[in-house]
């Protein structure tokens, strides 16, 4: 990625926050082993402010889509409160292995760390932290299902563990699913929409991220069409 390419990924901008379309395969911040990260390119997103924006929350390395940045310290503090209190609405799209028996449901399954040697890998754990996800079937294909997932809590790897524990792991998940560690289809998990109640007396800000290239064929197999995407893009442009 170049700084110019980062600029093209801005989905929304105001005086307090930015929402960018995070690409899959790039960590949001530099880990203990170093390497490139999304934060390396935030300097290109100052838009006249003295400091670069900073992360208001996180997405996994292999998850694409809506990522919120705060443009200054007060904005970050406000956004942090909104995320911590669960007031930010989040909808993810996923393609999972298998067919859920129902068309919608709720997963209430506490999560805990797998073990100290596995970093942030998680597991279902009755003594762990509460974790709740609602889900809805958007389409079905041959042995796969397209889901809308809404995490009501914000645990690490929550959606990936919840889907795997329920019997339909996310396609391309090399940790909790059946995908190979290398050469797989890529994690089919996308932060599709985020809804931020930024101003008390105004409607929440609703931002939608386009379907990434690595998910298009999988979603098409479940009934998604590019015409649907064009309609969403047109509506989003009209709103802004």
C-alpha atoms as a PDB file:
ATOM      1  CA  UNK A   1       0.000   0.000   0.000  1.00  0.00           C
ATOM      2  CA  UNK A   2       1.082   3.566  -0.723  1.00  0.00           C
ATOM      3  CA  UNK A   3      -0.051   6.736   1.079  1.00  0.00           C
ATOM      4  CA  UNK A   4      -2.056   7.631  -2.030  1.00  0.00           C
ATOM      5  CA  UNK A   5      -3.827   4.270  -1.962  1.00  0.00           C
ATOM      6  CA  UNK A   6      -4.658   4.799   1.704  1.00  0.00           C
ATOM      7  CA  UNK A   7      -6.399   8.044   0.768  1.00  0.00           C
ATOM      8  CA  UNK A   8      -8.644   6.222  -1.687  1.00  0.00           C
ATOM      9  CA  UNK A   9      -9.823   3.928   1.122  1.00  0.00           C
ATOM     10  CA  UNK A  10     -11.455   6.700   3.164  1.00  0.00           C
ATOM     11  CA  UNK A  11     -15.176   5.973   3.300  1.00  0.00           C
ATOM     12  CA  UNK A  12     -16.183   8.812   5.637  1.00  0.00           C
ATOM     13  CA  UNK A  13     -14.550  11.918   7.104  1.00  0.00           C
ATOM     14  CA  UNK A  14     -15.610  14.681   9.484  1.00  0.00           C
ATOM     15  CA  UNK A  15     -13.887  16.760  12.142  1.00  0.00           C
ATOM     16  CA  UNK A  16     -13.840  13.940  14.694  1.00  0.00           C
ATOM     17  CA  UNK A  17     -13.374  10.670  12.878  1.00  0.00           C
ATOM     18  CA  UNK A  18     -12.491   8.816   9.717  1.00  0.00           C
ATOM     19  CA  UNK A  19     -13.838   5.470   8.573  1.00  0.00           C
ATOM     20  CA  UNK A  20     -11.536   3.591   6.226  1.00  0.00           C
ATOM     21  CA  UNK A  21     -11.915   0.401   4.222  1.00  0.00           C
ATOM     22  CA  UNK A  22      -9.236  -1.829   5.741  1.00  0.00           C
ATOM     23  CA  UNK A  23      -7.685  -4.323   3.305  1.00  0.00           C
ATOM     24  CA  UNK A  24      -7.451  -7.965   4.320  1.00  0.00           C
ATOM     25  CA  UNK A  25      -3.975  -9.289   5.136  1.00  0.00           C
ATOM     26  CA  UNK A  26      -2.549  -6.161   6.770  1.00  0.00           C
ATOM     27  CA  UNK A  27      -2.330  -5.810  10.563  1.00  0.00           C
ATOM     28  CA  UNK A  28      -3.785  -2.613  12.002  1.00  0.00           C
ATOM     29  CA  UNK A  29      -0.729  -1.989  14.178  1.00  0.00           C
ATOM     30  CA  UNK A  30       2.824  -3.244  14.372  1.00  0.00           C
ATOM     31  CA  UNK A  31       3.126  -6.397  16.471  1.00  0.00           C
ATOM     32  CA  UNK A  32       5.994  -7.520  18.712  1.00  0.00           C
ATOM     33  CA  UNK A  33       7.783  -9.000  15.687  1.00  0.00           C
ATOM     34  CA  UNK A  34       7.580  -5.743  13.733  1.00  0.00           C
ATOM     35  CA  UNK A  35       6.622  -5.565  10.075  1.00  0.00           C
ATOM     36  CA  UNK A  36       4.347  -3.324   8.050  1.00  0.00           C
ATOM     37  CA  UNK A  37       1.030  -2.220   9.503  1.00  0.00           C
ATOM     38  CA  UNK A  38      -1.902  -0.012   8.589  1.00  0.00           C
ATOM     39  CA  UNK A  39      -0.767   2.598  11.119  1.00  0.00           C
ATOM     40  CA  UNK A  40       2.334   3.234   9.010  1.00  0.00           C
ATOM     41  CA  UNK A  41       0.138   5.042   6.466  1.00  0.00           C
ATOM     42  CA  UNK A  42      -2.011   7.141   8.793  1.00  0.00           C
ATOM     43  CA  UNK A  43       0.193  10.184   8.227  1.00  0.00           C
ATOM     44  CA  UNK A  44      -1.419  10.525   4.812  1.00  0.00           C
ATOM     45  CA  UNK A  45      -4.796  10.995   6.538  1.00  0.00           C
ATOM     46  CA  UNK A  46      -4.093  14.125   8.600  1.00  0.00           C
ATOM     47  CA  UNK A  47      -6.090  16.411   6.260  1.00  0.00           C
ATOM     48  CA  UNK A  48      -4.516  19.525   7.721  1.00  0.00           C
ATOM     49  CA  UNK A  49      -4.409  18.467  11.385  1.00  0.00           C
ATOM     50  CA  UNK A  50      -1.034  18.464  13.181  1.00  0.00           C
ATOM     51  CA  UNK A  51      -1.229  14.791  14.127  1.00  0.00           C
ATOM     52  CA  UNK A  52      -2.151  11.632  12.293  1.00  0.00           C
ATOM     53  CA  UNK A  53      -5.403   9.897  13.260  1.00  0.00           C
ATOM     54  CA  UNK A  54      -5.295   6.854  15.541  1.00  0.00           C
ATOM     55  CA  UNK A  55      -7.205   3.611  15.929  1.00  0.00           C
ATOM     56  CA  UNK A  56     -10.517   3.809  17.796  1.00  0.00           C
ATOM     57  CA  UNK A  57     -10.886  -0.005  17.729  1.00  0.00           C
ATOM     58  CA  UNK A  58      -9.285  -3.041  16.061  1.00  0.00           C
ATOM     59  CA  UNK A  59      -9.871  -5.526  13.268  1.00  0.00           C
ATOM     60  CA  UNK A  60      -7.982  -8.803  12.793  1.00  0.00           C
ATOM     61  CA  UNK A  61      -5.198  -8.852  10.217  1.00  0.00           C
ATOM     62  CA  UNK A  62      -7.251 -10.953   7.793  1.00  0.00           C
ATOM     63  CA  UNK A  63     -10.576  -9.139   8.319  1.00  0.00           C
ATOM     64  CA  UNK A  64     -11.473  -6.414   5.820  1.00  0.00           C
ATOM     65  CA  UNK A  65     -13.871  -3.496   5.937  1.00  0.00           C
ATOM     66  CA  UNK A  66     -14.975  -0.595   8.126  1.00  0.00           C
ATOM     67  CA  UNK A  67     -12.347   0.634  10.579  1.00  0.00           C
ATOM     68  CA  UNK A  68     -12.864   3.777  12.681  1.00  0.00           C
ATOM     69  CA  UNK A  69     -10.066   6.267  13.399  1.00  0.00           C
ATOM     70  CA  UNK A  70     -10.194   9.210  15.790  1.00  0.00           C
ATOM     71  CA  UNK A  71      -8.698  12.437  14.442  1.00  0.00           C
ATOM     72  CA  UNK A  72      -7.496  13.863  17.771  1.00  0.00           C
ATOM     73  CA  UNK A  73      -7.365  13.030  21.486  1.00  0.00           C
ATOM     74  CA  UNK A  74     -10.835  14.265  22.426  1.00  0.00           C
ATOM     75  CA  UNK A  75     -12.349  12.395  19.500  1.00  0.00           C
ATOM     76  CA  UNK A  76     -10.524   9.215  20.496  1.00  0.00           C
ATOM     77  CA  UNK A  77     -11.785   9.526  24.072  1.00  0.00           C
ATOM     78  CA  UNK A  78     -15.381   9.946  22.843  1.00  0.00           C
ATOM     79  CA  UNK A  79     -15.132   7.058  20.399  1.00  0.00           C
ATOM     80  CA  UNK A  80     -13.526   4.886  23.052  1.00  0.00           C
ATOM     81  CA  UNK A  81     -16.521   5.466  25.349  1.00  0.00           C
ATOM     82  CA  UNK A  82     -18.965   4.638  22.546  1.00  0.00           C
ATOM     83  CA  UNK A  83     -17.229   1.366  21.705  1.00  0.00           C
ATOM     84  CA  UNK A  84     -16.766   0.383  25.355  1.00  0.00           C
ATOM     85  CA  UNK A  85     -20.435   0.987  26.157  1.00  0.00           C
ATOM     86  CA  UNK A  86     -21.604  -1.039  23.149  1.00  0.00           C
ATOM     87  CA  UNK A  87     -23.304   1.915  21.489  1.00  0.00           C
ATOM     88  CA  UNK A  88     -21.513   1.454  18.155  1.00  0.00           C
ATOM     89  CA  UNK A  89     -23.443  -0.830  15.842  1.00  0.00           C
ATOM     90  CA  UNK A  90     -21.357  -3.355  13.893  1.00  0.00           C
ATOM     91  CA  UNK A  91     -22.458  -5.704  11.118  1.00  0.00           C
ATOM     92  CA  UNK A  92     -20.092  -8.205   9.541  1.00  0.00           C
ATOM     93  CA  UNK A  93     -20.596 -10.362   6.484  1.00  0.00           C
ATOM     94  CA  UNK A  94     -19.185 -13.873   6.550  1.00  0.00           C
ATOM     95  CA  UNK A  95     -19.290 -16.960   4.376  1.00  0.00           C
ATOM     96  CA  UNK A  96     -19.306 -20.057   6.561  1.00  0.00           C
ATOM     97  CA  UNK A  97     -19.012 -23.772   5.980  1.00  0.00           C
ATOM     98  CA  UNK A  98     -22.282 -25.686   6.349  1.00  0.00           C
ATOM     99  CA  UNK A  99     -25.949 -24.737   6.626  1.00  0.00           C
ATOM    100  CA  UNK A 100     -27.441 -23.373   9.852  1.00  0.00           C
ATOM    101  CA  UNK A 101     -30.765 -25.099  10.545  1.00  0.00           C
ATOM    102  CA  UNK A 102     -32.536 -21.796  11.161  1.00  0.00           C
ATOM    103  CA  UNK A 103     -32.509 -18.452   9.354  1.00  0.00           C
ATOM    104  CA  UNK A 104     -31.498 -16.369  12.373  1.00  0.00           C
ATOM    105  CA  UNK A 105     -30.312 -16.839  15.904  1.00  0.00           C
ATOM    106  CA  UNK A 106     -28.211 -15.747  18.847  1.00  0.00           C
ATOM    107  CA  UNK A 107     -24.955 -17.200  20.152  1.00  0.00           C
ATOM    108  CA  UNK A 108     -24.322 -16.639  23.858  1.00  0.00           C
ATOM    109  CA  UNK A 109     -20.984 -18.301  24.568  1.00  0.00           C
ATOM    110  CA  UNK A 110     -18.304 -16.935  26.936  1.00  0.00           C
ATOM    111  CA  UNK A 111     -14.740 -16.839  25.616  1.00  0.00           C
ATOM    112  CA  UNK A 112     -11.336 -17.239  27.248  1.00  0.00           C
ATOM    113  CA  UNK A 113      -7.705 -17.393  26.176  1.00  0.00           C
ATOM    114  CA  UNK A 114      -6.672 -20.728  24.650  1.00  0.00           C
ATOM    115  CA  UNK A 115      -3.359 -20.791  26.528  1.00  0.00           C
ATOM    116  CA  UNK A 116      -0.430 -18.486  27.226  1.00  0.00           C
ATOM    117  CA  UNK A 117       1.620 -19.852  24.323  1.00  0.00           C
ATOM    118  CA  UNK A 118      -0.994 -19.031  21.666  1.00  0.00           C
ATOM    119  CA  UNK A 119      -1.115 -15.256  21.982  1.00  0.00           C
ATOM    120  CA  UNK A 120      -4.621 -13.993  21.299  1.00  0.00           C
ATOM    121  CA  UNK A 121      -6.108 -17.334  20.221  1.00  0.00           C
ATOM    122  CA  UNK A 122      -9.406 -17.882  22.027  1.00  0.00           C
ATOM    123  CA  UNK A 123     -11.745 -20.741  22.927  1.00  0.00           C
ATOM    124  CA  UNK A 124     -15.227 -21.285  24.277  1.00  0.00           C
ATOM    125  CA  UNK A 125     -14.941 -21.163  28.073  1.00  0.00           C
ATOM    126  CA  UNK A 126     -17.866 -21.149  30.517  1.00  0.00           C
ATOM    127  CA  UNK A 127     -15.690 -19.277  33.022  1.00  0.00           C
ATOM    128  CA  UNK A 128     -14.516 -16.733  30.415  1.00  0.00           C
ATOM    129  CA  UNK A 129     -15.788 -13.284  29.508  1.00  0.00           C
ATOM    130  CA  UNK A 130     -19.400 -12.961  28.278  1.00  0.00           C
ATOM    131  CA  UNK A 131     -19.665 -12.909  24.485  1.00  0.00           C
ATOM    132  CA  UNK A 132     -22.893 -12.558  22.478  1.00  0.00           C
ATOM    133  CA  UNK A 133     -23.423 -12.571  18.706  1.00  0.00           C
ATOM    134  CA  UNK A 134     -26.639 -12.399  16.711  1.00  0.00           C
ATOM    135  CA  UNK A 135     -26.738 -13.813  13.183  1.00  0.00           C
ATOM    136  CA  UNK A 136     -28.999 -13.899  10.143  1.00  0.00           C
ATOM    137  CA  UNK A 137     -28.819 -15.920   6.938  1.00  0.00           C
ATOM    138  CA  UNK A 138     -28.556 -13.697   3.853  1.00  0.00           C
ATOM    139  CA  UNK A 139     -28.034 -16.463   1.298  1.00  0.00           C
ATOM    140  CA  UNK A 140     -27.109 -20.108   0.844  1.00  0.00           C
ATOM    141  CA  UNK A 141     -24.888 -21.945  -1.616  1.00  0.00           C
ATOM    142  CA  UNK A 142     -23.595 -25.480  -2.106  1.00  0.00           C
ATOM    143  CA  UNK A 143     -22.363 -26.392   1.364  1.00  0.00           C
ATOM    144  CA  UNK A 144     -21.821 -22.762   2.373  1.00  0.00           C
ATOM    145  CA  UNK A 145     -23.917 -19.953   3.884  1.00  0.00           C
ATOM    146  CA  UNK A 146     -23.703 -16.165   3.736  1.00  0.00           C
ATOM    147  CA  UNK A 147     -24.349 -14.631   7.160  1.00  0.00           C
ATOM    148  CA  UNK A 148     -24.793 -11.195   8.664  1.00  0.00           C
ATOM    149  CA  UNK A 149     -23.145 -11.241  12.093  1.00  0.00           C
ATOM    150  CA  UNK A 150     -23.647  -8.604  14.781  1.00  0.00           C
ATOM    151  CA  UNK A 151     -21.328  -8.827  17.799  1.00  0.00           C
ATOM    152  CA  UNK A 152     -23.071  -7.400  20.849  1.00  0.00           C
ATOM    153  CA  UNK A 153     -19.784  -7.673  22.760  1.00  0.00           C
ATOM    154  CA  UNK A 154     -16.281  -7.033  21.481  1.00  0.00           C
ATOM    155  CA  UNK A 155     -14.142 -10.032  22.425  1.00  0.00           C
ATOM    156  CA  UNK A 156     -11.024 -10.974  20.499  1.00  0.00           C
ATOM    157  CA  UNK A 157     -11.810 -13.362  17.600  1.00  0.00           C
ATOM    158  CA  UNK A 158     -15.412 -13.476  18.846  1.00  0.00           C
ATOM    159  CA  UNK A 159     -17.115 -14.060  15.509  1.00  0.00           C
ATOM    160  CA  UNK A 160     -14.580 -16.639  14.392  1.00  0.00           C
ATOM    161  CA  UNK A 161     -14.828 -18.681  17.598  1.00  0.00           C
ATOM    162  CA  UNK A 162     -18.614 -18.391  17.822  1.00  0.00           C
ATOM    163  CA  UNK A 163     -19.113 -19.596  14.252  1.00  0.00           C
ATOM    164  CA  UNK A 164     -16.668 -22.482  14.671  1.00  0.00           C
ATOM    165  CA  UNK A 165     -18.168 -23.536  18.015  1.00  0.00           C
ATOM    166  CA  UNK A 166     -21.656 -23.563  16.506  1.00  0.00           C
ATOM    167  CA  UNK A 167     -20.572 -25.959  13.761  1.00  0.00           C
ATOM    168  CA  UNK A 168     -20.109 -23.629  10.803  1.00  0.00           C
ATOM    169  CA  UNK A 169     -16.581 -22.160  10.810  1.00  0.00           C
ATOM    170  CA  UNK A 170     -15.819 -19.183   8.603  1.00  0.00           C
ATOM    171  CA  UNK A 171     -14.391 -20.146   5.221  1.00  0.00           C
ATOM    172  CA  UNK A 172     -10.668 -19.435   5.067  1.00  0.00           C
ATOM    173  CA  UNK A 173     -10.152 -19.500   8.844  1.00  0.00           C
ATOM    174  CA  UNK A 174      -6.820 -21.249   9.392  1.00  0.00           C
ATOM    175  CA  UNK A 175      -7.025 -21.014  13.204  1.00  0.00           C
ATOM    176  CA  UNK A 176     -10.560 -22.070  14.083  1.00  0.00           C
ATOM    177  CA  UNK A 177     -11.663 -23.621  10.793  1.00  0.00           C
ATOM    178  CA  UNK A 178     -10.400 -26.140   8.258  1.00  0.00           C
ATOM    179  CA  UNK A 179      -8.413 -23.829   5.975  1.00  0.00           C
ATOM    180  CA  UNK A 180      -4.701 -24.501   5.418  1.00  0.00           C
ATOM    181  CA  UNK A 181      -2.219 -22.116   7.012  1.00  0.00           C
ATOM    182  CA  UNK A 182      -0.959 -21.109   3.562  1.00  0.00           C
ATOM    183  CA  UNK A 183      -2.611 -20.949   0.159  1.00  0.00           C
ATOM    184  CA  UNK A 184      -6.230 -20.908   1.350  1.00  0.00           C
ATOM    185  CA  UNK A 185      -9.055 -18.732   0.005  1.00  0.00           C
ATOM    186  CA  UNK A 186      -8.522 -15.931   2.510  1.00  0.00           C
ATOM    187  CA  UNK A 187     -10.702 -15.312   5.542  1.00  0.00           C
ATOM    188  CA  UNK A 188     -14.274 -14.687   4.397  1.00  0.00           C
ATOM    189  CA  UNK A 189     -15.052 -12.103   7.076  1.00  0.00           C
ATOM    190  CA  UNK A 190     -15.806  -8.469   6.270  1.00  0.00           C
ATOM    191  CA  UNK A 191     -16.769  -5.524   8.475  1.00  0.00           C
ATOM    192  CA  UNK A 192     -19.637  -4.526   6.229  1.00  0.00           C
ATOM    193  CA  UNK A 193     -21.248  -1.677   8.164  1.00  0.00           C
ATOM    194  CA  UNK A 194     -20.627   0.444  11.205  1.00  0.00           C
ATOM    195  CA  UNK A 195     -23.096   2.815  12.878  1.00  0.00           C
ATOM    196  CA  UNK A 196     -21.659   5.503  15.168  1.00  0.00           C
ATOM    197  CA  UNK A 197     -23.910   7.778  17.291  1.00  0.00           C
ATOM    198  CA  UNK A 198     -21.351  10.556  17.261  1.00  0.00           C
ATOM    199  CA  UNK A 199     -23.619  13.558  17.899  1.00  0.00           C
ATOM    200  CA  UNK A 200     -26.392  13.550  20.516  1.00  0.00           C
ATOM    201  CA  UNK A 201     -28.916  15.491  18.456  1.00  0.00           C
ATOM    202  CA  UNK A 202     -28.170  13.984  15.055  1.00  0.00           C
ATOM    203  CA  UNK A 203     -28.802  10.655  13.392  1.00  0.00           C
ATOM    204  CA  UNK A 204     -26.031   8.083  13.836  1.00  0.00           C
ATOM    205  CA  UNK A 205     -23.388   7.990  11.130  1.00  0.00           C
ATOM    206  CA  UNK A 206     -23.821   4.838   9.045  1.00  0.00           C
ATOM    207  CA  UNK A 207     -20.940   3.710   6.821  1.00  0.00           C
ATOM    208  CA  UNK A 208     -20.824   0.701   4.493  1.00  0.00           C
ATOM    209  CA  UNK A 209     -17.653  -0.880   3.099  1.00  0.00           C
ATOM    210  CA  UNK A 210     -17.702  -2.425  -0.406  1.00  0.00           C
ATOM    211  CA  UNK A 211     -17.305  -6.170  -0.837  1.00  0.00           C
ATOM    212  CA  UNK A 212     -13.567  -6.966  -1.140  1.00  0.00           C
ATOM    213  CA  UNK A 213     -12.305  -8.822  -4.227  1.00  0.00           C
ATOM    214  CA  UNK A 214     -11.379 -12.003  -2.322  1.00  0.00           C
ATOM    215  CA  UNK A 215     -14.994 -12.480  -1.155  1.00  0.00           C
ATOM    216  CA  UNK A 216     -16.863 -11.775  -4.377  1.00  0.00           C
ATOM    217  CA  UNK A 217     -16.951 -15.281  -5.822  1.00  0.00           C
ATOM    218  CA  UNK A 218     -17.887 -16.857  -2.498  1.00  0.00           C
ATOM    219  CA  UNK A 219     -20.732 -14.403  -2.004  1.00  0.00           C
ATOM    220  CA  UNK A 220     -21.933 -14.860  -5.577  1.00  0.00           C
ATOM    221  CA  UNK A 221     -22.169 -18.590  -4.864  1.00  0.00           C
ATOM    222  CA  UNK A 222     -24.635 -17.675  -2.100  1.00  0.00           C
ATOM    223  CA  UNK A 223     -26.792 -15.344  -4.192  1.00  0.00           C
ATOM    224  CA  UNK A 224     -25.078 -11.955  -3.884  1.00  0.00           C
ATOM    225  CA  UNK A 225     -24.908  -9.883  -7.070  1.00  0.00           C
ATOM    226  CA  UNK A 226     -22.781  -6.939  -8.151  1.00  0.00           C
ATOM    227  CA  UNK A 227     -26.026  -5.125  -9.030  1.00  0.00           C
ATOM    228  CA  UNK A 228     -26.976  -5.208  -5.351  1.00  0.00           C
ATOM    229  CA  UNK A 229     -23.612  -3.673  -4.500  1.00  0.00           C
ATOM    230  CA  UNK A 230     -24.048  -0.897  -7.037  1.00  0.00           C
ATOM    231  CA  UNK A 231     -27.414  -0.001  -5.499  1.00  0.00           C
ATOM    232  CA  UNK A 232     -25.873   0.190  -2.022  1.00  0.00           C
ATOM    233  CA  UNK A 233     -23.014   2.365  -3.278  1.00  0.00           C
ATOM    234  CA  UNK A 234     -25.460   4.730  -4.972  1.00  0.00           C
ATOM    235  CA  UNK A 235     -27.551   5.053  -1.814  1.00  0.00           C
ATOM    236  CA  UNK A 236     -24.465   5.699   0.325  1.00  0.00           C
ATOM    237  CA  UNK A 237     -23.276   8.431  -2.030  1.00  0.00           C
ATOM    238  CA  UNK A 238     -26.677  10.094  -1.863  1.00  0.00           C
ATOM    239  CA  UNK A 239     -26.631  10.061   1.953  1.00  0.00           C
ATOM    240  CA  UNK A 240     -23.240  11.770   2.084  1.00  0.00           C
END
